[in-house]
Amino acid sequence: MTSAARFLETTFRIVYDYVSRAYRPLRHWIGALILATFITMIAAVSHIFPVSNWDMFAYTAAVLETDIEDPVELHDLSYEIVKQNVSPGEFLTLTQDRDYRIRQYEDPAAFSTMLGFYRLKLGYVETLRALSGLMDPVKAMRLVSIASAVAIGLLLLVWLAREKALMYGPVVAAMLIIGDFSGSAALLSPDLYASVFLLLAAFLYIERQDIGAALCLLIALTIRPDHLAFIGVFFVFALIYGPGRWVMTATFLIAAVAYQFLLKDESHPGWWIHLWFTHVEYVPTLEGFHPPFSPLLYLQMLVRSTVRSMVGQNWLAALLALVIFYAKVIEPPRMAERSKILLYAVFTSICAKYLVFPHFETRFYFPYLMIMGMILLIAWHQQNRKTSVTSG
């Protein structure tokens, strides 16, 4: 080694040792500050630079339709409200950039057939409706998204603090980035809103607050009914292992009944048509649209969704990384039983949900990836702490 190389090595070690000594007593404060700053930044950016999407029209109409029966009036008012909340260029894009959007803009009857996709998110629509006395539905959507982002940040901070692991704030911030947290916070959809209650349910279950966890799961179901898959898988693992068995059994039964209630509206197009919209094409109207089920086409959807997940999204890579981390680093016998139940249920439900409805976007898997990440991070932290105590 040359003298210059030795000088660089020595300098680096001196600086590193000094920074380490200064960091160690403040590591929890620094970790919490980094995570809180990241959450604040995401909320601020989402507020200053809001993202617009076509779903704003449909959710606005779903909020207003209890007071407006005429489909033409409902259509025109919904588009006018959105127009007031976006720039002229954004409105042009949302109404003119493809045949589907042009048809929805020009044809109130075609637009009304699409609302069944959105009425189903009853918890989200009712929240927007409750806020509509103070602001228009688009502003309410933005408020819900930003508030959900802040709530998730606060919950993660509490979770870390509860486990004396606030020094991992930067790691959790990185997990949020990989999980497309910023995109979900800016997007006007119920996904992040439901994620608040799923994450809270996971935290409460680990804290042995089974009733609170059950209530959060049911609220998440009303916001996005497809979370029934997770509730069902979670109930099975709780039944097998024991902790929370009866509460989660009751939760699943209530959720199954509630799901049927949410589906009672005949305007909902059903599973296959929803898949068709996601993976084949956006048809201009659902009136008289009944494509036959095709196993071959379904397999093509799975393949296409998997390719899109690998090429343009993060969730599949994140899931693989979490599985490898669990296999190589975590010692399952040393994990708390409730954490194991939740971890296994989340992983299984991701696989089950993907087979039933192969979403390719990371935002649909965000809460599940964060639950897995938090469980594994805390398990690793506790594992290292116990090892240090034993060694000492």
Protein backbone atom coordinates (compact mmCIF):
# COMPACT_ATOMS: atom_id res chain seq x y z
CA MET A 1 0.00 0.00 0.00
CA THR A 2 1.36 3.39 -0.98
CA SER A 3 1.78 6.24 1.48
CA ALA A 4 -1.08 8.12 -0.20
CA ALA A 5 -3.37 5.10 0.20
CA ARG A 6 -2.39 4.71 3.87
CA PHE A 7 -3.09 8.41 4.43
CA LEU A 8 -6.57 8.09 2.88
CA GLU A 9 -7.32 4.97 4.91
CA THR A 10 -6.21 6.61 8.15
CA THR A 11 -8.14 9.79 7.43
CA PHE A 12 -11.27 7.84 6.60
CA ARG A 13 -11.07 5.81 9.82
CA ILE A 14 -10.55 8.91 11.96
CA VAL A 15 -13.51 10.68 10.38
CA TYR A 16 -15.67 7.56 10.57
CA ASP A 17 -14.85 6.95 14.25
CA TYR A 18 -15.58 10.57 15.10
CA VAL A 19 -18.93 10.56 13.27
CA SER A 20 -19.86 7.22 14.84
CA ARG A 21 -19.15 8.47 18.37
CA ALA A 22 -21.19 11.61 17.72
CA TYR A 23 -24.03 9.70 16.07
CA ARG A 24 -24.52 6.89 18.57
CA PRO A 25 -26.10 8.83 21.48
CA LEU A 26 -28.33 10.76 19.05
CA ARG A 27 -29.20 7.90 16.68
CA HIS A 28 -32.87 7.64 17.70
CA TRP A 29 -33.44 11.38 17.35
CA ILE A 30 -31.65 11.46 14.01
CA GLY A 31 -33.58 8.47 12.68
CA ALA A 32 -36.91 9.94 13.75
CA LEU A 33 -35.98 13.33 12.27
CA ILE A 34 -35.05 11.82 8.91
CA LEU A 35 -38.30 9.83 8.66
CA ALA A 36 -40.43 12.78 9.81
CA THR A 37 -38.70 15.09 7.34
CA PHE A 38 -39.29 12.63 4.52
CA ILE A 39 -42.99 12.32 5.35
CA THR A 40 -43.35 16.10 5.59
CA MET A 41 -41.62 16.53 2.26
CA ILE A 42 -43.94 14.01 0.56
CA ALA A 43 -47.02 15.69 2.00
CA ALA A 44 -45.77 19.13 0.93
CA VAL A 45 -44.92 18.02 -2.61
CA SER A 46 -48.31 16.30 -2.94
CA HIS A 47 -50.00 19.53 -1.90
CA ILE A 48 -47.94 21.88 -4.06
CA PHE A 49 -47.74 19.64 -7.13
CA PRO A 50 -50.95 17.57 -7.10
CA VAL A 51 -51.37 14.77 -9.61
CA SER A 52 -54.54 14.56 -11.68
CA ASN A 53 -56.11 11.37 -13.00
CA TRP A 54 -59.33 10.44 -14.76
CA ASP A 55 -60.77 8.74 -11.67
CA MET A 56 -61.42 12.21 -10.23
CA PHE A 57 -64.43 12.53 -12.52
CA ALA A 58 -65.94 9.23 -11.44
CA TYR A 59 -65.36 9.71 -7.71
CA THR A 60 -66.77 13.24 -7.91
CA ALA A 61 -69.90 11.84 -9.59
CA ALA A 62 -70.16 9.06 -6.98
CA VAL A 63 -70.14 11.70 -4.24
CA LEU A 64 -72.71 13.92 -5.95
CA GLU A 65 -75.15 11.29 -7.23
CA THR A 66 -77.17 11.10 -4.00
CA ASP A 67 -78.29 14.69 -4.64
CA ILE A 68 -78.41 14.64 -8.45
CA GLU A 69 -80.53 12.03 -10.21
CA ASP A 70 -80.27 13.28 -13.78
CA PRO A 71 -77.23 11.60 -15.44
CA VAL A 72 -76.60 14.54 -17.76
CA GLU A 73 -76.56 17.06 -14.92
CA LEU A 74 -74.39 14.74 -12.82
CA HIS A 75 -71.92 14.33 -15.69
CA ASP A 76 -71.71 18.04 -16.48
CA LEU A 77 -71.30 19.13 -12.86
CA SER A 78 -68.64 16.48 -12.18
CA TYR A 79 -66.59 17.59 -15.15
CA GLU A 80 -67.04 21.25 -14.23
CA ILE A 81 -65.80 20.68 -10.65
CA VAL A 82 -62.72 18.84 -11.89
CA LYS A 83 -62.10 21.57 -14.48
CA GLN A 84 -62.00 24.14 -11.68
CA ASN A 85 -59.32 22.15 -9.85
CA VAL A 86 -56.86 21.39 -12.66
CA SER A 87 -54.96 23.41 -15.24
CA PRO A 88 -56.37 23.80 -18.79
CA GLY A 89 -53.65 21.50 -20.11
CA GLU A 90 -54.45 18.79 -17.57
CA PHE A 91 -58.17 19.03 -18.31
CA LEU A 92 -57.46 18.71 -22.02
CA THR A 93 -55.39 15.60 -21.39
CA LEU A 94 -58.05 14.08 -19.14
CA THR A 95 -60.80 14.60 -21.71
CA GLN A 96 -59.17 14.40 -25.16
CA ASP A 97 -56.00 12.29 -25.21
CA ARG A 98 -57.64 8.93 -26.08
CA ASP A 99 -60.91 7.60 -27.47
CA TYR A 100 -62.14 6.34 -24.10
CA ARG A 101 -61.76 9.72 -22.39
CA ILE A 102 -63.31 11.55 -25.34
CA ARG A 103 -66.36 9.28 -25.20
CA GLN A 104 -66.76 9.74 -21.42
CA TYR A 105 -66.52 13.52 -21.83
CA GLU A 106 -69.08 13.66 -24.62
CA ASP A 107 -71.52 10.94 -23.56
CA PRO A 108 -73.15 11.18 -20.09
CA ALA A 109 -74.88 7.81 -20.58
CA ALA A 110 -71.55 6.04 -21.21
CA PHE A 111 -70.01 7.85 -18.23
CA SER A 112 -72.80 6.72 -15.90
CA THR A 113 -72.10 3.04 -16.72
CA MET A 114 -68.58 3.43 -15.30
CA LEU A 115 -69.66 4.56 -11.84
CA GLY A 116 -70.20 0.98 -10.63
CA PHE A 117 -66.41 0.60 -10.42
CA TYR A 118 -66.29 3.49 -7.94
CA ARG A 119 -69.45 3.18 -5.84
CA LEU A 120 -67.96 -0.06 -4.51
CA LYS A 121 -65.39 1.93 -2.48
CA LEU A 122 -68.15 2.95 -0.08
CA GLY A 123 -65.89 3.99 2.81
CA TYR A 124 -63.87 6.28 0.56
CA VAL A 125 -66.92 7.80 -1.13
CA GLU A 126 -68.68 8.40 2.20
CA THR A 127 -65.57 10.10 3.60
CA LEU A 128 -65.49 12.41 0.59
CA ARG A 129 -69.21 13.02 0.95
CA ALA A 130 -68.74 13.97 4.62
CA LEU A 131 -66.05 16.47 3.63
CA SER A 132 -68.06 17.88 0.73
CA GLY A 133 -69.87 20.24 3.09
CA LEU A 134 -66.56 22.02 3.61
CA MET A 135 -64.99 21.70 0.15
CA ASP A 136 -65.64 20.26 -3.30
CA PRO A 137 -65.00 16.52 -3.87
CA VAL A 138 -61.67 17.03 -5.68
CA LYS A 139 -60.24 19.09 -2.82
CA ALA A 140 -61.60 16.44 -0.43
CA MET A 141 -59.75 13.72 -2.37
CA ARG A 142 -56.51 15.66 -2.12
CA LEU A 143 -57.02 16.24 1.59
CA VAL A 144 -57.67 12.54 2.21
CA SER A 145 -54.52 11.56 0.28
CA ILE A 146 -52.28 14.01 2.13
CA ALA A 147 -53.82 13.21 5.52
CA SER A 148 -53.34 9.49 4.82
CA ALA A 149 -49.66 10.04 4.03
CA VAL A 150 -49.14 11.97 7.28
CA ALA A 151 -51.07 9.35 9.27
CA ILE A 152 -48.91 6.54 7.87
CA GLY A 153 -45.77 8.48 8.76
CA LEU A 154 -46.95 9.03 12.33
CA LEU A 155 -47.94 5.38 12.70
CA LEU A 156 -44.54 4.17 11.49
CA LEU A 157 -42.81 6.52 13.93
CA VAL A 158 -44.95 5.20 16.80
CA TRP A 159 -44.25 1.61 15.70
CA LEU A 160 -40.50 2.23 15.68
CA ALA A 161 -40.62 4.10 18.99
CA ARG A 162 -42.60 1.28 20.58
CA GLU A 163 -39.83 -1.16 19.63
CA LYS A 164 -37.01 1.27 20.56
CA ALA A 165 -35.90 1.23 16.92
CA LEU A 166 -36.20 4.86 15.83
CA MET A 167 -32.64 4.75 14.54
CA TYR A 168 -33.99 2.80 11.58
CA GLY A 169 -35.95 5.83 10.38
CA PRO A 170 -33.79 6.15 7.24
CA VAL A 171 -34.37 2.45 6.46
CA VAL A 172 -38.13 2.90 6.73
CA ALA A 173 -37.91 5.99 4.51
CA ALA A 174 -36.09 3.86 1.92
CA MET A 175 -38.82 1.23 2.20
CA LEU A 176 -41.42 3.92 1.55
CA ILE A 177 -39.54 5.07 -1.54
CA ILE A 178 -39.36 1.52 -2.91
CA GLY A 179 -43.07 1.07 -2.17
CA ASP A 180 -43.94 4.13 -4.30
CA PHE A 181 -45.28 5.99 -1.29
CA SER A 182 -44.84 9.37 -2.95
CA GLY A 183 -46.82 8.26 -6.00
CA SER A 184 -49.66 6.93 -3.86
CA ALA A 185 -49.74 10.13 -1.79
CA ALA A 186 -50.05 12.29 -4.90
CA LEU A 187 -52.57 10.04 -6.64
CA LEU A 188 -56.25 10.66 -5.95
CA SER A 189 -57.40 7.15 -5.11
CA PRO A 190 -58.52 5.18 -2.03
CA ASP A 191 -55.36 3.05 -1.93
CA LEU A 192 -53.34 5.04 0.61
CA TYR A 193 -56.44 5.72 2.70
CA ALA A 194 -57.05 1.98 3.06
CA SER A 195 -53.33 1.46 3.75
CA VAL A 196 -53.62 3.57 6.91
CA PHE A 197 -56.08 1.11 8.42
CA LEU A 198 -54.24 -2.00 7.23
CA LEU A 199 -50.99 -0.80 8.79
CA LEU A 200 -52.81 0.22 11.96
CA ALA A 201 -54.50 -3.19 12.10
CA ALA A 202 -51.11 -4.91 11.83
CA PHE A 203 -49.64 -2.74 14.60
CA LEU A 204 -52.62 -3.29 16.90
CA TYR A 205 -52.59 -7.04 16.33
CA ILE A 206 -48.93 -7.24 17.28
CA GLU A 207 -49.78 -5.13 20.34
CA ARG A 208 -52.48 -7.68 21.26
CA GLN A 209 -55.29 -5.21 20.60
CA ASP A 210 -57.37 -7.66 18.59
CA ILE A 211 -60.68 -5.76 18.68
CA GLY A 212 -59.01 -2.58 17.43
CA ALA A 213 -57.22 -4.55 14.70
CA ALA A 214 -60.52 -6.12 13.63
CA LEU A 215 -62.25 -2.75 13.39
CA CYS A 216 -59.40 -1.37 11.27
CA LEU A 217 -59.60 -4.35 8.92
CA LEU A 218 -63.32 -3.83 8.44
CA ILE A 219 -62.83 -0.13 7.72
CA ALA A 220 -60.12 -0.99 5.16
CA LEU A 221 -62.59 -3.41 3.56
CA THR A 222 -65.18 -0.66 3.05
CA ILE A 223 -62.54 1.55 1.43
CA ARG A 224 -61.19 -1.16 -0.87
CA PRO A 225 -63.30 -4.36 -0.81
CA ASP A 226 -60.54 -6.44 -2.42
CA HIS A 227 -58.79 -6.47 0.97
CA LEU A 228 -61.21 -9.26 1.86
CA ALA A 229 -58.55 -11.62 0.49
CA PHE A 230 -56.11 -10.56 3.20
CA ILE A 231 -58.77 -10.77 5.93
CA GLY A 232 -59.60 -14.30 4.82
CA VAL A 233 -55.99 -15.48 4.76
CA PHE A 234 -55.25 -13.72 8.06
CA PHE A 235 -58.21 -15.49 9.68
CA VAL A 236 -56.90 -18.89 8.51
CA PHE A 237 -53.42 -18.34 9.99
CA ALA A 238 -54.85 -16.97 13.24
CA LEU A 239 -57.12 -20.02 13.43
CA ILE A 240 -54.18 -22.37 12.92
CA TYR A 241 -51.73 -20.70 15.33
CA GLY A 242 -54.11 -19.43 17.99
CA PRO A 243 -53.51 -15.75 18.90
CA GLY A 244 -56.60 -13.71 18.03
CA ARG A 245 -58.33 -16.81 16.69
CA TRP A 246 -61.92 -16.02 17.64
CA VAL A 247 -61.76 -12.30 16.98
CA MET A 248 -60.31 -12.85 13.50
CA THR A 249 -62.86 -15.58 12.80
CA ALA A 250 -65.66 -13.15 13.66
CA THR A 251 -63.93 -10.45 11.61
CA PHE A 252 -63.85 -12.66 8.54
CA LEU A 253 -67.50 -13.62 8.89
CA ILE A 254 -68.53 -9.97 9.26
CA ALA A 255 -66.27 -9.00 6.36
CA ALA A 256 -67.76 -11.69 4.11
CA VAL A 257 -71.29 -10.43 4.84
CA ALA A 258 -70.20 -6.80 4.38
CA TYR A 259 -68.58 -7.69 1.06
CA GLN A 260 -71.88 -9.07 -0.20
CA PHE A 261 -73.56 -5.86 0.94
CA LEU A 262 -71.01 -3.79 -0.95
CA LEU A 263 -71.65 -5.86 -4.08
CA LYS A 264 -75.43 -5.59 -3.87
CA ASP A 265 -75.42 -2.68 -6.32
CA GLU A 266 -76.16 -4.31 -9.68
CA SER A 267 -74.22 -1.55 -11.45
CA HIS A 268 -70.93 -3.16 -10.45
CA PRO A 269 -69.62 -4.87 -13.60
CA GLY A 270 -68.05 -7.86 -11.89
CA TRP A 271 -64.63 -9.48 -11.63
CA TRP A 272 -64.08 -10.47 -15.27
CA ILE A 273 -65.07 -7.13 -16.77
CA HIS A 274 -62.86 -5.35 -14.23
CA LEU A 275 -59.97 -7.58 -15.32
CA TRP A 276 -60.79 -6.82 -18.93
CA PHE A 277 -60.60 -3.10 -18.28
CA THR A 278 -57.26 -3.44 -16.51
CA HIS A 279 -55.52 -5.75 -18.94
CA VAL A 280 -57.31 -5.73 -22.31
CA GLU A 281 -58.99 -2.41 -23.13
CA TYR A 282 -61.12 0.41 -21.82
CA VAL A 283 -64.43 -0.08 -23.62
CA PRO A 284 -66.38 3.17 -24.08
CA THR A 285 -69.54 1.93 -22.35
CA LEU A 286 -70.54 -1.06 -20.25
CA GLU A 287 -74.05 -1.09 -21.69
CA GLY A 288 -74.52 -4.57 -23.14
CA PHE A 289 -70.82 -5.45 -22.61
CA HIS A 290 -70.50 -9.08 -21.48
CA PRO A 291 -67.27 -10.66 -22.78
CA PRO A 292 -67.10 -14.45 -22.22
CA PHE A 293 -64.56 -15.77 -19.76
CA SER A 294 -61.44 -17.19 -21.42
CA PRO A 295 -58.87 -19.23 -19.46
CA LEU A 296 -56.29 -18.55 -22.18
CA LEU A 297 -56.88 -14.81 -22.00
CA TYR A 298 -56.65 -14.96 -18.21
CA LEU A 299 -53.24 -16.67 -18.47
CA GLN A 300 -52.15 -13.99 -20.92
CA MET A 301 -53.20 -11.36 -18.37
CA LEU A 302 -51.06 -13.05 -15.71
CA VAL A 303 -48.04 -13.15 -17.99
CA ARG A 304 -48.52 -9.57 -19.18
CA SER A 305 -48.99 -8.28 -15.64
CA THR A 306 -45.89 -10.11 -14.42
CA VAL A 307 -43.79 -8.63 -17.21
CA ARG A 308 -45.09 -5.13 -16.48
CA SER A 309 -44.39 -5.66 -12.76
CA MET A 310 -40.78 -6.55 -13.51
CA VAL A 311 -40.17 -3.86 -16.12
CA GLY A 312 -41.89 -0.78 -14.74
CA GLN A 313 -42.71 -1.43 -11.08
CA ASN A 314 -40.92 -2.21 -7.81
CA TRP A 315 -43.23 -4.46 -5.82
CA LEU A 316 -42.10 -7.82 -7.18
CA ALA A 317 -38.41 -7.01 -6.59
CA ALA A 318 -39.22 -5.67 -3.13
CA LEU A 319 -41.14 -8.84 -2.27
CA LEU A 320 -38.25 -11.01 -3.44
CA ALA A 321 -35.78 -8.96 -1.39
CA LEU A 322 -37.94 -9.33 1.73
CA VAL A 323 -38.21 -13.10 1.22
CA ILE A 324 -34.43 -13.42 0.81
CA PHE A 325 -33.84 -11.26 3.89
CA TYR A 326 -36.17 -13.51 5.88
CA ALA A 327 -34.48 -16.68 4.63
CA LYS A 328 -30.89 -15.49 5.14
CA VAL A 329 -31.06 -13.24 8.20
CA ILE A 330 -34.13 -13.94 10.33
CA GLU A 331 -34.32 -16.83 12.79
CA PRO A 332 -38.04 -17.78 12.81
CA PRO A 333 -37.97 -19.56 16.20
CA ARG A 334 -36.89 -16.27 17.80
CA MET A 335 -39.75 -14.27 16.25
CA ALA A 336 -42.83 -13.38 18.27
CA GLU A 337 -45.73 -15.65 17.35
CA ARG A 338 -48.06 -12.81 16.36
CA SER A 339 -45.41 -11.34 14.09
CA LYS A 340 -44.99 -14.70 12.36
CA ILE A 341 -48.73 -15.11 11.88
CA LEU A 342 -49.01 -11.65 10.37
CA LEU A 343 -45.94 -12.11 8.19
CA TYR A 344 -47.12 -15.43 6.77
CA ALA A 345 -50.63 -14.10 6.22
CA VAL A 346 -49.41 -11.02 4.37
CA PHE A 347 -47.10 -12.98 2.08
CA THR A 348 -49.76 -15.58 1.30
CA SER A 349 -52.40 -12.93 0.64
CA ILE A 350 -50.12 -11.11 -1.83
CA CYS A 351 -49.77 -14.33 -3.81
CA ALA A 352 -53.50 -15.09 -3.56
CA LYS A 353 -54.57 -11.57 -4.56
CA TYR A 354 -52.22 -11.64 -7.53
CA LEU A 355 -53.68 -14.90 -8.81
CA VAL A 356 -57.25 -13.65 -8.39
CA PHE A 357 -56.62 -10.17 -9.78
CA PRO A 358 -53.11 -9.60 -11.18
CA HIS A 359 -52.53 -5.91 -10.49
CA PHE A 360 -49.10 -4.84 -11.72
CA GLU A 361 -48.80 -1.46 -9.98
CA THR A 362 -46.78 -1.19 -6.78
CA ARG A 363 -49.40 0.97 -5.05
CA PHE A 364 -51.75 -2.00 -4.72
CA TYR A 365 -49.15 -3.89 -2.67
CA PHE A 366 -47.79 -0.96 -0.67
CA PRO A 367 -49.44 -1.72 2.71
CA TYR A 368 -48.51 -5.40 2.53
CA LEU A 369 -44.89 -4.71 1.64
CA MET A 370 -44.66 -2.17 4.47
CA ILE A 371 -46.14 -4.60 6.99
CA MET A 372 -43.67 -7.29 5.93
CA GLY A 373 -40.80 -4.81 5.98
CA MET A 374 -41.66 -3.50 9.45
CA ILE A 375 -42.06 -7.00 10.89
CA LEU A 376 -38.72 -8.18 9.48
CA LEU A 377 -36.91 -4.98 10.48
CA ILE A 378 -38.19 -5.21 14.06
CA ALA A 379 -37.48 -8.96 14.21
CA TRP A 380 -33.89 -8.34 13.07
CA HIS A 381 -33.52 -5.52 15.59
CA GLN A 382 -34.79 -7.69 18.47
CA GLN A 383 -32.67 -10.59 17.31
CA ASN A 384 -29.51 -8.48 17.35
CA ARG A 385 -30.40 -6.92 20.70
CA LYS A 386 -30.89 -10.31 22.34
CA THR A 387 -27.64 -11.57 20.82
CA SER A 388 -25.78 -8.53 22.18
CA VAL A 389 -27.24 -9.08 25.66
CA THR A 390 -26.32 -12.76 25.57
CA SER A 391 -22.80 -12.01 24.38
CA GLY A 392 -22.38 -9.34 27.03
